[in-house]
């Protein structure tokens, strides 16, 4: 099963790299309920994750090479990966 938060983060990072301002993306559950939102700073590549009540769930960092690292508020790593730089056909 596809992790929707990972897809949202990947999409947000791609979009944020295209602009140099903050980008907000709302995330939703499969049934359409809003689950929170992401704020990506296009200039620095910093990712902030929040729930529907604006409680901070974690943060992350992107690099120009496409690498993403995400962490909980206390600093525990929750994931990492690399965005594909190859265009889809």
PDB file of N, CA and C in Angstrom:
ATOM      1  N   UNK A   1       0.835  -1.177   0.000  1.00  0.00           N
ATOM      2  CA  UNK A   1       0.000   0.000   0.000  1.00  0.00           C
ATOM      3  C   UNK A   1       0.882   1.243   0.000  1.00  0.00           C
ATOM      4  N   UNK A   2       0.469   2.241  -0.745  1.00  0.00           N
ATOM      5  CA  UNK A   2       1.225   3.466  -0.906  1.00  0.00           C
ATOM      6  C   UNK A   2       1.034   4.384   0.303  1.00  0.00           C
ATOM      7  N   UNK A   3       2.113   4.861   0.843  1.00  0.00           N
ATOM      8  CA  UNK A   3       2.057   5.763   1.988  1.00  0.00           C
ATOM      9  C   UNK A   3       1.737   7.167   1.485  1.00  0.00           C
ATOM     10  N   UNK A   4       0.530   7.667   1.788  1.00  0.00           N
ATOM     11  CA  UNK A   4       0.093   8.963   1.259  1.00  0.00           C
ATOM     12  C   UNK A   4       0.924  10.114   1.788  1.00  0.00           C
ATOM     13  N   UNK A   5       1.383  10.030   3.026  1.00  0.00           N
ATOM     14  CA  UNK A   5       2.210  11.110   3.563  1.00  0.00           C
ATOM     15  C   UNK A   5       3.542  11.184   2.811  1.00  0.00           C
ATOM     16  N   UNK A   6       4.127  10.031   2.482  1.00  0.00           N
ATOM     17  CA  UNK A   6       5.386  10.020   1.734  1.00  0.00           C
ATOM     18  C   UNK A   6       5.186  10.604   0.342  1.00  0.00           C
ATOM     19  N   UNK A   7       4.063  10.268  -0.281  1.00  0.00           N
ATOM     20  CA  UNK A   7       3.765  10.818  -1.604  1.00  0.00           C
ATOM     21  C   UNK A   7       3.576  12.325  -1.506  1.00  0.00           C
ATOM     22  N   UNK A   8       2.856  12.783  -0.484  1.00  0.00           N
ATOM     23  CA  UNK A   8       2.628  14.219  -0.306  1.00  0.00           C
ATOM     24  C   UNK A   8       3.937  14.959  -0.080  1.00  0.00           C
ATOM     25  N   UNK A   9       4.816  14.388   0.733  1.00  0.00           N
ATOM     26  CA  UNK A   9       6.105  15.022   0.992  1.00  0.00           C
ATOM     27  C   UNK A   9       6.927  15.093  -0.286  1.00  0.00           C
ATOM     28  N   UNK A  10       6.959  13.997  -1.045  1.00  0.00           N
ATOM     29  CA  UNK A  10       7.717  13.979  -2.296  1.00  0.00           C
ATOM     30  C   UNK A  10       7.203  15.025  -3.269  1.00  0.00           C
ATOM     31  N   UNK A  11       5.893  15.082  -3.439  1.00  0.00           N
ATOM     32  CA  UNK A  11       5.298  16.064  -4.324  1.00  0.00           C
ATOM     33  C   UNK A  11       5.594  17.476  -3.842  1.00  0.00           C
ATOM     34  N   UNK A  12       5.473  17.698  -2.551  1.00  0.00           N
ATOM     35  CA  UNK A  12       5.724  19.018  -1.989  1.00  0.00           C
ATOM     36  C   UNK A  12       7.163  19.453  -2.219  1.00  0.00           C
ATOM     37  N   UNK A  13       8.091  18.537  -2.066  1.00  0.00           N
ATOM     38  CA  UNK A  13       9.503  18.863  -2.263  1.00  0.00           C
ATOM     39  C   UNK A  13       9.768  19.248  -3.707  1.00  0.00           C
ATOM     40  N   UNK A  14       9.193  18.495  -4.624  1.00  0.00           N
ATOM     41  CA  UNK A  14       9.367  18.818  -6.046  1.00  0.00           C
ATOM     42  C   UNK A  14       8.825  20.209  -6.339  1.00  0.00           C
ATOM     43  N   UNK A  15       7.635  20.505  -5.837  1.00  0.00           N
ATOM     44  CA  UNK A  15       7.032  21.815  -6.065  1.00  0.00           C
ATOM     45  C   UNK A  15       7.815  22.927  -5.382  1.00  0.00           C
ATOM     46  N   UNK A  16       8.289  22.670  -4.177  1.00  0.00           N
ATOM     47  CA  UNK A  16       9.021  23.690  -3.433  1.00  0.00           C
ATOM     48  C   UNK A  16      10.355  24.020  -4.100  1.00  0.00           C
ATOM     49  N   UNK A  17      10.962  23.042  -4.740  1.00  0.00           N
ATOM     50  CA  UNK A  17      12.219  23.297  -5.413  1.00  0.00           C
ATOM     51  C   UNK A  17      12.008  24.194  -6.627  1.00  0.00           C
ATOM     52  N   UNK A  18      10.771  24.208  -7.149  1.00  0.00           N
ATOM     53  CA  UNK A  18      10.476  25.030  -8.314  1.00  0.00           C
ATOM     54  C   UNK A  18      10.197  26.482  -7.929  1.00  0.00           C
ATOM     55  N   UNK A  19       9.854  26.741  -6.692  1.00  0.00           N
ATOM     56  CA  UNK A  19       9.584  28.100  -6.232  1.00  0.00           C
ATOM     57  C   UNK A  19      10.475  28.414  -5.044  1.00  0.00           C
ATOM     58  N   UNK A  20      10.668  29.689  -4.773  1.00  0.00           N
ATOM     59  CA  UNK A  20      11.559  30.046  -3.666  1.00  0.00           C
ATOM     60  C   UNK A  20      10.799  30.595  -2.471  1.00  0.00           C
ATOM     61  N   UNK A  21       9.506  30.311  -2.378  1.00  0.00           N
ATOM     62  CA  UNK A  21       8.722  30.771  -1.242  1.00  0.00           C
ATOM     63  C   UNK A  21       8.138  29.586  -0.493  1.00  0.00           C
ATOM     64  N   UNK A  22       7.455  29.865   0.611  1.00  0.00           N
ATOM     65  CA  UNK A  22       6.847  28.790   1.390  1.00  0.00           C
ATOM     66  C   UNK A  22       5.680  28.176   0.624  1.00  0.00           C
ATOM     67  N   UNK A  23       5.526  26.880   0.782  1.00  0.00           N
ATOM     68  CA  UNK A  23       4.464  26.141   0.128  1.00  0.00           C
ATOM     69  C   UNK A  23       3.734  25.338   1.190  1.00  0.00           C
ATOM     70  N   UNK A  24       2.394  25.424   1.212  1.00  0.00           N
ATOM     71  CA  UNK A  24       1.591  24.653   2.160  1.00  0.00           C
ATOM     72  C   UNK A  24       0.780  23.636   1.375  1.00  0.00           C
ATOM     73  N   UNK A  25       0.825  22.391   1.850  1.00  0.00           N
ATOM     74  CA  UNK A  25       0.059  21.322   1.215  1.00  0.00           C
ATOM     75  C   UNK A  25      -0.759  20.621   2.282  1.00  0.00           C
ATOM     76  N   UNK A  26      -2.081  20.585   2.088  1.00  0.00           N
ATOM     77  CA  UNK A  26      -2.965  19.871   3.007  1.00  0.00           C
ATOM     78  C   UNK A  26      -2.938  18.387   2.669  1.00  0.00           C
ATOM     79  N   UNK A  27      -2.939  17.528   3.697  1.00  0.00           N
ATOM     80  CA  UNK A  27      -2.962  16.076   3.497  1.00  0.00           C
ATOM     81  C   UNK A  27      -4.307  15.532   3.954  1.00  0.00           C
ATOM     82  N   UNK A  28      -4.750  14.454   3.291  1.00  0.00           N
ATOM     83  CA  UNK A  28      -6.074  13.880   3.538  1.00  0.00           C
ATOM     84  C   UNK A  28      -5.999  12.369   3.704  1.00  0.00           C
ATOM     85  N   UNK A  29      -6.935  11.825   4.476  1.00  0.00           N
ATOM     86  CA  UNK A  29      -7.087  10.382   4.622  1.00  0.00           C
ATOM     87  C   UNK A  29      -7.773   9.835   3.369  1.00  0.00           C
ATOM     88  N   UNK A  30      -7.826   8.504   3.245  1.00  0.00           N
ATOM     89  CA  UNK A  30      -8.489   7.895   2.085  1.00  0.00           C
ATOM     90  C   UNK A  30      -9.961   8.251   2.000  1.00  0.00           C
ATOM     91  N   UNK A  31     -10.604   8.447   3.148  1.00  0.00           N
ATOM     92  CA  UNK A  31     -12.038   8.747   3.150  1.00  0.00           C
ATOM     93  C   UNK A  31     -12.327  10.238   2.973  1.00  0.00           C
ATOM     94  N   UNK A  32     -11.308  11.051   2.740  1.00  0.00           N
ATOM     95  CA  UNK A  32     -11.494  12.465   2.472  1.00  0.00           C
ATOM     96  C   UNK A  32     -11.336  13.383   3.663  1.00  0.00           C
ATOM     97  N   UNK A  33     -11.157  12.826   4.858  1.00  0.00           N
ATOM     98  CA  UNK A  33     -10.939  13.669   6.044  1.00  0.00           C
ATOM     99  C   UNK A  33      -9.540  14.262   6.013  1.00  0.00           C
ATOM    100  N   UNK A  34      -9.447  15.531   6.362  1.00  0.00           N
ATOM    101  CA  UNK A  34      -8.152  16.190   6.397  1.00  0.00           C
ATOM    102  C   UNK A  34      -7.328  15.615   7.537  1.00  0.00           C
ATOM    103  N   UNK A  35      -6.076  15.271   7.264  1.00  0.00           N
ATOM    104  CA  UNK A  35      -5.222  14.674   8.285  1.00  0.00           C
ATOM    105  C   UNK A  35      -4.130  15.621   8.777  1.00  0.00           C
ATOM    106  N   UNK A  36      -3.970  16.747   8.119  1.00  0.00           N
ATOM    107  CA  UNK A  36      -2.948  17.698   8.528  1.00  0.00           C
ATOM    108  C   UNK A  36      -2.432  18.484   7.344  1.00  0.00           C
ATOM    109  N   UNK A  37      -1.223  19.001   7.509  1.00  0.00           N
ATOM    110  CA  UNK A  37      -0.632  19.754   6.410  1.00  0.00           C
ATOM    111  C   UNK A  37       0.884  19.800   6.539  1.00  0.00           C
ATOM    112  N   UNK A  38       1.531  20.134   5.455  1.00  0.00           N
ATOM    113  CA  UNK A  38       2.981  20.285   5.384  1.00  0.00           C
ATOM    114  C   UNK A  38       3.284  21.715   4.987  1.00  0.00           C
ATOM    115  N   UNK A  39       4.338  22.272   5.531  1.00  0.00           N
ATOM    116  CA  UNK A  39       4.834  23.574   5.103  1.00  0.00           C
ATOM    117  C   UNK A  39       6.278  23.373   4.683  1.00  0.00           C
ATOM    118  N   UNK A  40       6.573  23.741   3.433  1.00  0.00           N
ATOM    119  CA  UNK A  40       7.927  23.576   2.905  1.00  0.00           C
ATOM    120  C   UNK A  40       8.494  24.948   2.584  1.00  0.00           C
ATOM    121  N   UNK A  41       9.655  25.233   3.125  1.00  0.00           N
ATOM    122  CA  UNK A  41      10.351  26.480   2.826  1.00  0.00           C
ATOM    123  C   UNK A  41      11.152  26.245   1.554  1.00  0.00           C
ATOM    124  N   UNK A  42      10.728  26.882   0.466  1.00  0.00           N
ATOM    125  CA  UNK A  42      11.381  26.680  -0.824  1.00  0.00           C
ATOM    126  C   UNK A  42      12.816  27.161  -0.872  1.00  0.00           C
ATOM    127  N   UNK A  43      13.156  28.114  -0.022  1.00  0.00           N
ATOM    128  CA  UNK A  43      14.510  28.651  -0.016  1.00  0.00           C
ATOM    129  C   UNK A  43      15.487  27.719   0.698  1.00  0.00           C
ATOM    130  N   UNK A  44      15.061  27.179   1.857  1.00  0.00           N
ATOM    131  CA  UNK A  44      15.972  26.353   2.658  1.00  0.00           C
ATOM    132  C   UNK A  44      15.737  24.851   2.490  1.00  0.00           C
ATOM    133  N   UNK A  45      14.541  24.459   2.000  1.00  0.00           N
ATOM    134  CA  UNK A  45      14.221  23.039   1.854  1.00  0.00           C
ATOM    135  C   UNK A  45      13.718  22.397   3.132  1.00  0.00           C
ATOM    136  N   UNK A  46      13.437  23.178   4.162  1.00  0.00           N
ATOM    137  CA  UNK A  46      12.947  22.632   5.434  1.00  0.00           C
ATOM    138  C   UNK A  46      11.476  22.266   5.312  1.00  0.00           C
ATOM    139  N   UNK A  47      11.117  21.105   5.870  1.00  0.00           N
ATOM    140  CA  UNK A  47       9.749  20.601   5.856  1.00  0.00           C
ATOM    141  C   UNK A  47       9.237  20.579   7.295  1.00  0.00           C
ATOM    142  N   UNK A  48       8.034  21.108   7.512  1.00  0.00           N
ATOM    143  CA  UNK A  48       7.369  21.046   8.814  1.00  0.00           C
ATOM    144  C   UNK A  48       6.065  20.278   8.628  1.00  0.00           C
ATOM    145  N   UNK A  49       5.783  19.302   9.509  1.00  0.00           N
ATOM    146  CA  UNK A  49       4.564  18.496   9.425  1.00  0.00           C
ATOM    147  C   UNK A  49       3.674  18.819  10.621  1.00  0.00           C
ATOM    148  N   UNK A  50       2.361  19.037  10.347  1.00  0.00           N
ATOM    149  CA  UNK A  50       1.398  19.383  11.387  1.00  0.00           C
ATOM    150  C   UNK A  50       0.146  18.531  11.243  1.00  0.00           C
ATOM    151  N   UNK A  51      -0.560  18.293  12.380  1.00  0.00           N
ATOM    152  CA  UNK A  51      -1.838  17.599  12.314  1.00  0.00           C
ATOM    153  C   UNK A  51      -2.954  18.626  12.096  1.00  0.00           C
ATOM    154  N   UNK A  52      -4.229  18.184  12.114  1.00  0.00           N
ATOM    155  CA  UNK A  52      -5.346  19.088  11.839  1.00  0.00           C
ATOM    156  C   UNK A  52      -5.500  20.186  12.889  1.00  0.00           C
ATOM    157  N   UNK A  53      -4.985  19.980  14.077  1.00  0.00           N
ATOM    158  CA  UNK A  53      -5.077  20.993  15.132  1.00  0.00           C
ATOM    159  C   UNK A  53      -3.802  21.842  15.224  1.00  0.00           C
ATOM    160  N   UNK A  54      -2.979  21.773  14.198  1.00  0.00           N
ATOM    161  CA  UNK A  54      -1.722  22.520  14.095  1.00  0.00           C
ATOM    162  C   UNK A  54      -0.685  22.120  15.137  1.00  0.00           C
ATOM    163  N   UNK A  55      -0.786  20.894  15.659  1.00  0.00           N
ATOM    164  CA  UNK A  55       0.264  20.356  16.519  1.00  0.00           C
ATOM    165  C   UNK A  55       1.398  19.867  15.626  1.00  0.00           C
ATOM    166  N   UNK A  56       2.608  20.218  15.973  1.00  0.00           N
ATOM    167  CA  UNK A  56       3.759  19.833  15.159  1.00  0.00           C
ATOM    168  C   UNK A  56       4.027  18.340  15.298  1.00  0.00           C
ATOM    169  N   UNK A  57       4.048  17.646  14.159  1.00  0.00           N
ATOM    170  CA  UNK A  57       4.298  16.203  14.156  1.00  0.00           C
ATOM    171  C   UNK A  57       5.753  15.872  13.883  1.00  0.00           C
ATOM    172  N   UNK A  58       6.448  16.753  13.223  1.00  0.00           N
ATOM    173  CA  UNK A  58       7.837  16.480  12.899  1.00  0.00           C
ATOM    174  C   UNK A  58       8.369  17.496  11.914  1.00  0.00           C
ATOM    175  N   UNK A  59       9.582  17.250  11.493  1.00  0.00           N
ATOM    176  CA  UNK A  59      10.224  18.143  10.540  1.00  0.00           C
ATOM    177  C   UNK A  59      11.129  17.332   9.626  1.00  0.00           C
ATOM    178  N   UNK A  60      11.626  17.979   8.630  1.00  0.00           N
ATOM    179  CA  UNK A  60      12.511  17.296   7.708  1.00  0.00           C
ATOM    180  C   UNK A  60      13.354  18.296   6.948  1.00  0.00           C
ATOM    181  N   UNK A  61      14.192  17.762   6.099  1.00  0.00           N
ATOM    182  CA  UNK A  61      15.082  18.592   5.299  1.00  0.00           C
ATOM    183  C   UNK A  61      15.249  17.955   3.931  1.00  0.00           C
ATOM    184  N   UNK A  62      15.268  18.784   2.924  1.00  0.00           N
ATOM    185  CA  UNK A  62      15.543  18.305   1.571  1.00  0.00           C
ATOM    186  C   UNK A  62      16.873  18.879   1.120  1.00  0.00           C
ATOM    187  N   UNK A  63      17.485  18.213   0.177  1.00  0.00           N
ATOM    188  CA  UNK A  63      18.723  18.722  -0.389  1.00  0.00           C
ATOM    189  C   UNK A  63      18.524  18.922  -1.889  1.00  0.00           C
ATOM    190  N   UNK A  64      19.343  19.742  -2.513  1.00  0.00           N
ATOM    191  CA  UNK A  64      19.223  19.953  -3.956  1.00  0.00           C
ATOM    192  C   UNK A  64      19.357  18.661  -4.771  1.00  0.00           C
ATOM    193  N   UNK A  65      20.019  17.653  -4.210  1.00  0.00           N
ATOM    194  CA  UNK A  65      20.182  16.390  -4.918  1.00  0.00           C
ATOM    195  C   UNK A  65      18.918  15.533  -4.883  1.00  0.00           C
ATOM    196  N   UNK A  66      17.916  15.945  -4.065  1.00  0.00           N
ATOM    197  CA  UNK A  66      16.666  15.199  -3.988  1.00  0.00           C
ATOM    198  C   UNK A  66      16.543  14.324  -2.757  1.00  0.00           C
ATOM    199  N   UNK A  67      17.521  14.335  -1.877  1.00  0.00           N
ATOM    200  CA  UNK A  67      17.454  13.526  -0.656  1.00  0.00           C
ATOM    201  C   UNK A  67      16.521  14.183   0.356  1.00  0.00           C
ATOM    202  N   UNK A  68      15.683  13.360   1.012  1.00  0.00           N
ATOM    203  CA  UNK A  68      14.756  13.828   2.038  1.00  0.00           C
ATOM    204  C   UNK A  68      15.026  13.055   3.318  1.00  0.00           C
ATOM    205  N   UNK A  69      15.152  13.770   4.431  1.00  0.00           N
ATOM    206  CA  UNK A  69      15.268  13.160   5.755  1.00  0.00           C
ATOM    207  C   UNK A  69      14.151  13.742   6.611  1.00  0.00           C
ATOM    208  N   UNK A  70      13.413  12.872   7.346  1.00  0.00           N
ATOM    209  CA  UNK A  70      12.335  13.343   8.214  1.00  0.00           C
ATOM    210  C   UNK A  70      12.568  12.852   9.639  1.00  0.00           C
ATOM    211  N   UNK A  71      12.104  13.661  10.609  1.00  0.00           N
ATOM    212  CA  UNK A  71      12.349  13.405  12.020  1.00  0.00           C
ATOM    213  C   UNK A  71      11.106  13.719  12.843  1.00  0.00           C
ATOM    214  N   UNK A  72      10.986  13.103  14.023  1.00  0.00           N
ATOM    215  CA  UNK A  72       9.934  13.433  14.982  1.00  0.00           C
ATOM    216  C   UNK A  72      10.345  14.722  15.697  1.00  0.00           C
ATOM    217  N   UNK A  73       9.444  15.340  16.467  1.00  0.00           N
ATOM    218  CA  UNK A  73       9.828  16.561  17.187  1.00  0.00           C
ATOM    219  C   UNK A  73      11.013  16.392  18.140  1.00  0.00           C
ATOM    220  N   UNK A  74      11.213  15.175  18.669  1.00  0.00           N
ATOM    221  CA  UNK A  74      12.345  14.976  19.583  1.00  0.00           C
ATOM    222  C   UNK A  74      13.634  14.582  18.862  1.00  0.00           C
ATOM    223  N   UNK A  75      13.609  14.534  17.532  1.00  0.00           N
ATOM    224  CA  UNK A  75      14.815  14.285  16.760  1.00  0.00           C
ATOM    225  C   UNK A  75      15.029  12.868  16.267  1.00  0.00           C
ATOM    226  N   UNK A  76      14.119  11.939  16.578  1.00  0.00           N
ATOM    227  CA  UNK A  76      14.247  10.565  16.100  1.00  0.00           C
ATOM    228  C   UNK A  76      13.951  10.509  14.606  1.00  0.00           C
ATOM    229  N   UNK A  77      14.849   9.882  13.865  1.00  0.00           N
ATOM    230  CA  UNK A  77      14.661   9.773  12.410  1.00  0.00           C
ATOM    231  C   UNK A  77      13.453   8.897  12.104  1.00  0.00           C
ATOM    232  N   UNK A  78      12.562   9.395  11.237  1.00  0.00           N
ATOM    233  CA  UNK A  78      11.382   8.622  10.850  1.00  0.00           C
ATOM    234  C   UNK A  78      11.470   8.113   9.427  1.00  0.00           C
ATOM    235  N   UNK A  79      12.369   8.653   8.660  1.00  0.00           N
ATOM    236  CA  UNK A  79      12.507   8.178   7.290  1.00  0.00           C
ATOM    237  C   UNK A  79      13.521   8.971   6.520  1.00  0.00           C
ATOM    238  N   UNK A  80      13.939   8.402   5.418  1.00  0.00           N
ATOM    239  CA  UNK A  80      14.838   9.089   4.500  1.00  0.00           C
ATOM    240  C   UNK A  80      14.681   8.441   3.137  1.00  0.00           C
ATOM    241  N   UNK A  81      15.064   9.160   2.148  1.00  0.00           N
ATOM    242  CA  UNK A  81      14.953   8.642   0.797  1.00  0.00           C
ATOM    243  C   UNK A  81      15.467   9.649  -0.210  1.00  0.00           C
ATOM    244  N   UNK A  82      15.341   9.288  -1.464  1.00  0.00           N
ATOM    245  CA  UNK A  82      15.796  10.133  -2.551  1.00  0.00           C
ATOM    246  C   UNK A  82      14.699  10.259  -3.583  1.00  0.00           C
ATOM    247  N   UNK A  83      14.456  11.464  -4.022  1.00  0.00           N
ATOM    248  CA  UNK A  83      13.500  11.681  -5.096  1.00  0.00           C
ATOM    249  C   UNK A  83      14.132  11.276  -6.414  1.00  0.00           C
ATOM    250  N   UNK A  84      13.329  10.723  -7.281  1.00  0.00           N
ATOM    251  CA  UNK A  84      13.818  10.352  -8.603  1.00  0.00           C
ATOM    252  C   UNK A  84      14.046  11.615  -9.419  1.00  0.00           C
ATOM    253  N   UNK A  85      15.175  11.696 -10.101  1.00  0.00           N
ATOM    254  CA  UNK A  85      15.429  12.830 -10.973  1.00  0.00           C
ATOM    255  C   UNK A  85      15.157  12.481 -12.420  1.00  0.00           C
ATOM    256  N   UNK A  86      14.774  11.221 -12.675  1.00  0.00           N
ATOM    257  CA  UNK A  86      14.452  10.768 -14.020  1.00  0.00           C
ATOM    258  C   UNK A  86      12.985  11.079 -14.316  1.00  0.00           C
ATOM    259  N   UNK A  87      12.700  11.803 -15.404  1.00  0.00           N
ATOM    260  CA  UNK A  87      11.305  12.098 -15.711  1.00  0.00           C
ATOM    261  C   UNK A  87      10.521  10.831 -16.040  1.00  0.00           C
ATOM    262  N   UNK A  88       9.252  10.803 -15.594  1.00  0.00           N
ATOM    263  CA  UNK A  88       8.385   9.662 -15.899  1.00  0.00           C
ATOM    264  C   UNK A  88       7.880   9.761 -17.320  1.00  0.00           C
ATOM    265  N   UNK A  89       7.642   8.623 -17.923  1.00  0.00           N
ATOM    266  CA  UNK A  89       7.106   8.614 -19.287  1.00  0.00           C
ATOM    267  C   UNK A  89       5.681   8.175 -19.292  1.00  0.00           C
TER     268      UNK A  89
END
